[in-house]
Amino acid sequence: MVNFGMRKRVLSNPYIGIALLATGIEIGKKLLAEQMPKEIVIFAVEVEEVTKFTEEMTRTVEETIPKVVNLVLGEVGSADTNAISV
């Protein structure tokens, strides 16, 4: 169990998020084919401890965040700016 404020939840299967993402992309391709990007890049940071919930990051994650930010900025910088809409 993990305590999120005043309510408790059982952590679900961590792979459910991947399945939901894949399903969302497939639905988007069918319903909004013209608006869907040709490429989707996902950046993730793996955590060391999955059973303990805290507001602080582990040292490893904290040290990794700037690296991921640079990767994202590099990816955005190399993207086709005509394809990006806000």
N, C-alpha and C. Protein backbone atom coordinates (compact mmCIF):
# COMPACT_ATOMS: atom_id res chain seq x y z
N MET A 1 0.83 -1.19 0.00
CA MET A 1 0.00 0.00 0.00
C MET A 1 0.87 1.25 0.00
N VAL A 2 0.42 2.26 -0.67
CA VAL A 2 1.10 3.54 -0.68
C VAL A 2 0.10 4.59 -0.22
N ASN A 3 0.54 5.49 0.63
CA ASN A 3 -0.34 6.52 1.15
C ASN A 3 -0.20 7.78 0.30
N PHE A 4 -1.25 8.12 -0.42
CA PHE A 4 -1.29 9.35 -1.21
C PHE A 4 -2.19 10.32 -0.47
N GLY A 5 -1.60 11.15 0.37
CA GLY A 5 -2.41 12.07 1.17
C GLY A 5 -3.23 11.28 2.17
N MET A 6 -4.54 11.35 2.08
CA MET A 6 -5.42 10.68 3.03
C MET A 6 -5.96 9.35 2.50
N ARG A 7 -5.77 9.06 1.24
CA ARG A 7 -6.32 7.81 0.73
C ARG A 7 -5.19 6.84 0.41
N LYS A 8 -5.48 5.56 0.49
CA LYS A 8 -4.48 4.53 0.21
C LYS A 8 -4.86 3.80 -1.07
N ARG A 9 -3.84 3.46 -1.84
CA ARG A 9 -4.03 2.72 -3.08
C ARG A 9 -3.02 1.60 -3.16
N VAL A 10 -3.41 0.52 -3.75
CA VAL A 10 -2.47 -0.56 -4.04
C VAL A 10 -1.82 -0.21 -5.37
N LEU A 11 -0.50 -0.29 -5.41
CA LEU A 11 0.18 -0.02 -6.67
C LEU A 11 -0.18 -1.10 -7.67
N SER A 12 -0.56 -0.68 -8.86
CA SER A 12 -0.92 -1.65 -9.89
C SER A 12 0.33 -2.10 -10.64
N ASN A 13 0.12 -2.96 -11.58
CA ASN A 13 1.20 -3.46 -12.42
C ASN A 13 1.87 -2.28 -13.13
N PRO A 14 3.20 -2.14 -13.01
CA PRO A 14 3.86 -0.99 -13.64
C PRO A 14 3.76 -1.00 -15.16
N TYR A 15 3.47 -2.14 -15.76
CA TYR A 15 3.40 -2.23 -17.21
C TYR A 15 2.05 -1.76 -17.75
N ILE A 16 1.08 -1.51 -16.87
CA ILE A 16 -0.23 -1.06 -17.32
C ILE A 16 -0.12 0.29 -18.02
N GLY A 17 0.78 1.15 -17.55
CA GLY A 17 0.95 2.46 -18.18
C GLY A 17 1.43 2.34 -19.61
N ILE A 18 2.31 1.39 -19.86
CA ILE A 18 2.81 1.17 -21.22
C ILE A 18 1.67 0.70 -22.12
N ALA A 19 0.85 -0.21 -21.61
CA ALA A 19 -0.28 -0.72 -22.39
C ALA A 19 -1.27 0.40 -22.68
N LEU A 20 -1.54 1.25 -21.69
CA LEU A 20 -2.47 2.36 -21.89
C LEU A 20 -1.91 3.37 -22.90
N LEU A 21 -0.62 3.62 -22.84
CA LEU A 21 0.01 4.53 -23.80
C LEU A 21 -0.12 3.98 -25.22
N ALA A 22 0.20 2.71 -25.38
CA ALA A 22 0.11 2.09 -26.70
C ALA A 22 -1.33 2.12 -27.22
N THR A 23 -2.28 1.86 -26.34
CA THR A 23 -3.69 1.91 -26.73
C THR A 23 -4.09 3.32 -27.14
N GLY A 24 -3.66 4.31 -26.36
CA GLY A 24 -3.96 5.71 -26.68
C GLY A 24 -3.41 6.12 -28.03
N ILE A 25 -2.20 5.68 -28.32
CA ILE A 25 -1.59 6.00 -29.62
C ILE A 25 -2.38 5.36 -30.76
N GLU A 26 -2.78 4.11 -30.58
CA GLU A 26 -3.56 3.43 -31.63
C GLU A 26 -4.91 4.10 -31.84
N ILE A 27 -5.56 4.51 -30.76
CA ILE A 27 -6.84 5.22 -30.89
C ILE A 27 -6.62 6.55 -31.61
N GLY A 28 -5.55 7.25 -31.25
CA GLY A 28 -5.24 8.51 -31.91
C GLY A 28 -5.01 8.33 -33.40
N LYS A 29 -4.32 7.26 -33.78
CA LYS A 29 -4.06 7.00 -35.20
C LYS A 29 -5.37 6.77 -35.97
N LYS A 30 -6.33 6.12 -35.30
CA LYS A 30 -7.60 5.83 -35.97
C LYS A 30 -8.53 7.03 -36.01
N LEU A 31 -8.57 7.80 -34.93
CA LEU A 31 -9.51 8.91 -34.85
C LEU A 31 -8.95 10.23 -35.35
N LEU A 32 -7.66 10.43 -35.19
CA LEU A 32 -7.03 11.71 -35.54
C LEU A 32 -5.78 11.49 -36.38
N ALA A 33 -5.89 10.66 -37.38
CA ALA A 33 -4.73 10.26 -38.18
C ALA A 33 -3.94 11.45 -38.72
N GLU A 34 -4.63 12.47 -39.17
CA GLU A 34 -3.96 13.64 -39.74
C GLU A 34 -3.17 14.43 -38.70
N GLN A 35 -3.62 14.40 -37.45
CA GLN A 35 -3.00 15.20 -36.40
C GLN A 35 -1.94 14.45 -35.59
N MET A 36 -1.89 13.15 -35.74
CA MET A 36 -0.93 12.36 -34.96
C MET A 36 0.49 12.57 -35.50
N PRO A 37 1.46 12.71 -34.59
CA PRO A 37 2.85 12.85 -35.05
C PRO A 37 3.33 11.55 -35.69
N LYS A 38 4.27 11.67 -36.60
CA LYS A 38 4.83 10.48 -37.24
C LYS A 38 5.73 9.71 -36.28
N GLU A 39 6.32 10.43 -35.35
CA GLU A 39 7.24 9.81 -34.39
C GLU A 39 6.93 10.32 -32.99
N ILE A 40 6.94 9.41 -32.02
CA ILE A 40 6.76 9.76 -30.62
C ILE A 40 7.98 9.26 -29.87
N VAL A 41 8.66 10.15 -29.19
CA VAL A 41 9.86 9.80 -28.43
C VAL A 41 9.51 9.89 -26.95
N ILE A 42 9.82 8.84 -26.21
CA ILE A 42 9.51 8.79 -24.79
C ILE A 42 10.82 8.76 -24.00
N PHE A 43 10.91 9.62 -23.01
CA PHE A 43 12.06 9.65 -22.11
C PHE A 43 11.58 9.16 -20.75
N ALA A 44 12.35 8.30 -20.12
CA ALA A 44 11.96 7.78 -18.82
C ALA A 44 13.19 7.62 -17.94
N VAL A 45 12.95 7.71 -16.65
CA VAL A 45 14.01 7.48 -15.66
C VAL A 45 13.54 6.35 -14.77
N GLU A 46 14.30 5.29 -14.73
CA GLU A 46 13.94 4.14 -13.90
C GLU A 46 14.27 4.45 -12.44
N VAL A 47 13.35 4.12 -11.57
CA VAL A 47 13.57 4.35 -10.15
C VAL A 47 14.19 3.10 -9.52
N GLU A 48 14.90 3.30 -8.42
CA GLU A 48 15.52 2.17 -7.73
C GLU A 48 14.53 1.52 -6.76
N GLU A 49 13.77 2.32 -6.06
CA GLU A 49 12.87 1.85 -5.01
C GLU A 49 11.43 2.09 -5.44
N VAL A 50 10.67 1.01 -5.64
CA VAL A 50 9.30 1.15 -6.11
C VAL A 50 8.25 0.92 -5.02
N THR A 51 8.69 0.51 -3.85
CA THR A 51 7.73 0.23 -2.78
C THR A 51 7.62 1.34 -1.76
N LYS A 52 8.49 2.33 -1.85
CA LYS A 52 8.49 3.43 -0.89
C LYS A 52 8.16 4.73 -1.63
N PHE A 53 7.15 5.45 -1.14
CA PHE A 53 6.73 6.70 -1.77
C PHE A 53 7.17 7.87 -0.91
N THR A 54 7.97 8.77 -1.49
CA THR A 54 8.40 9.97 -0.77
C THR A 54 8.32 11.16 -1.71
N GLU A 55 8.43 12.34 -1.15
CA GLU A 55 8.43 13.55 -1.97
C GLU A 55 9.81 13.85 -2.51
N GLU A 56 10.84 13.24 -1.96
CA GLU A 56 12.21 13.47 -2.40
C GLU A 56 12.63 12.43 -3.43
N MET A 57 13.50 12.86 -4.32
CA MET A 57 14.08 11.93 -5.30
C MET A 57 15.31 11.27 -4.68
N THR A 58 15.62 10.08 -5.17
CA THR A 58 16.88 9.48 -4.76
C THR A 58 18.01 10.27 -5.40
N ARG A 59 19.19 10.12 -4.87
CA ARG A 59 20.35 10.85 -5.41
C ARG A 59 20.56 10.49 -6.89
N THR A 60 20.40 9.22 -7.22
CA THR A 60 20.59 8.77 -8.60
C THR A 60 19.61 9.46 -9.54
N VAL A 61 18.34 9.50 -9.16
CA VAL A 61 17.33 10.15 -10.00
C VAL A 61 17.62 11.64 -10.10
N GLU A 62 17.94 12.26 -8.98
CA GLU A 62 18.23 13.70 -8.97
C GLU A 62 19.40 14.03 -9.90
N GLU A 63 20.42 13.17 -9.90
CA GLU A 63 21.58 13.40 -10.77
C GLU A 63 21.26 13.13 -12.24
N THR A 64 20.25 12.30 -12.48
CA THR A 64 19.89 11.93 -13.85
C THR A 64 19.00 12.96 -14.52
N ILE A 65 18.22 13.69 -13.76
CA ILE A 65 17.27 14.65 -14.32
C ILE A 65 17.92 15.64 -15.29
N PRO A 66 19.05 16.30 -14.93
CA PRO A 66 19.66 17.23 -15.89
C PRO A 66 20.07 16.54 -17.20
N LYS A 67 20.50 15.29 -17.11
CA LYS A 67 20.88 14.56 -18.33
C LYS A 67 19.66 14.34 -19.22
N VAL A 68 18.54 13.97 -18.60
CA VAL A 68 17.32 13.74 -19.37
C VAL A 68 16.81 15.05 -19.97
N VAL A 69 16.88 16.13 -19.20
CA VAL A 69 16.47 17.44 -19.71
C VAL A 69 17.30 17.79 -20.95
N ASN A 70 18.60 17.56 -20.89
CA ASN A 70 19.46 17.83 -22.06
C ASN A 70 19.09 16.96 -23.25
N LEU A 71 18.76 15.70 -22.99
CA LEU A 71 18.33 14.81 -24.07
C LEU A 71 17.04 15.32 -24.71
N VAL A 72 16.09 15.74 -23.87
CA VAL A 72 14.82 16.27 -24.38
C VAL A 72 15.06 17.54 -25.19
N LEU A 73 15.86 18.45 -24.65
CA LEU A 73 16.16 19.68 -25.37
C LEU A 73 16.86 19.39 -26.70
N GLY A 74 17.75 18.41 -26.71
CA GLY A 74 18.40 18.02 -27.95
C GLY A 74 17.42 17.45 -28.95
N GLU A 75 16.48 16.66 -28.48
CA GLU A 75 15.46 16.07 -29.35
C GLU A 75 14.54 17.16 -29.90
N VAL A 76 14.12 18.06 -29.06
CA VAL A 76 13.24 19.15 -29.49
C VAL A 76 13.98 20.06 -30.46
N GLY A 77 15.25 20.31 -30.19
CA GLY A 77 16.05 21.15 -31.06
C GLY A 77 16.26 20.55 -32.43
N SER A 78 16.26 19.22 -32.51
CA SER A 78 16.47 18.56 -33.79
C SER A 78 15.16 18.24 -34.50
N ALA A 79 14.04 18.55 -33.84
CA ALA A 79 12.73 18.24 -34.42
C ALA A 79 12.41 19.20 -35.56
N ASP A 80 11.54 18.75 -36.42
CA ASP A 80 11.04 19.59 -37.51
C ASP A 80 10.12 20.64 -36.89
N THR A 81 10.56 21.88 -36.83
CA THR A 81 9.78 22.92 -36.16
C THR A 81 8.45 23.19 -36.85
N ASN A 82 8.31 22.83 -38.10
CA ASN A 82 7.02 23.00 -38.78
C ASN A 82 5.99 22.00 -38.27
N ALA A 83 6.47 20.89 -37.69
CA ALA A 83 5.55 19.87 -37.20
C ALA A 83 5.09 20.14 -35.78
N ILE A 84 5.73 21.09 -35.11
CA ILE A 84 5.40 21.37 -33.72
C ILE A 84 4.35 22.46 -33.66
N SER A 85 3.24 22.16 -32.99
CA SER A 85 2.21 23.19 -32.79
C SER A 85 1.90 23.30 -31.31
N VAL A 86 1.65 24.51 -30.87
CA VAL A 86 1.38 24.74 -29.44
C VAL A 86 -0.06 25.13 -29.27
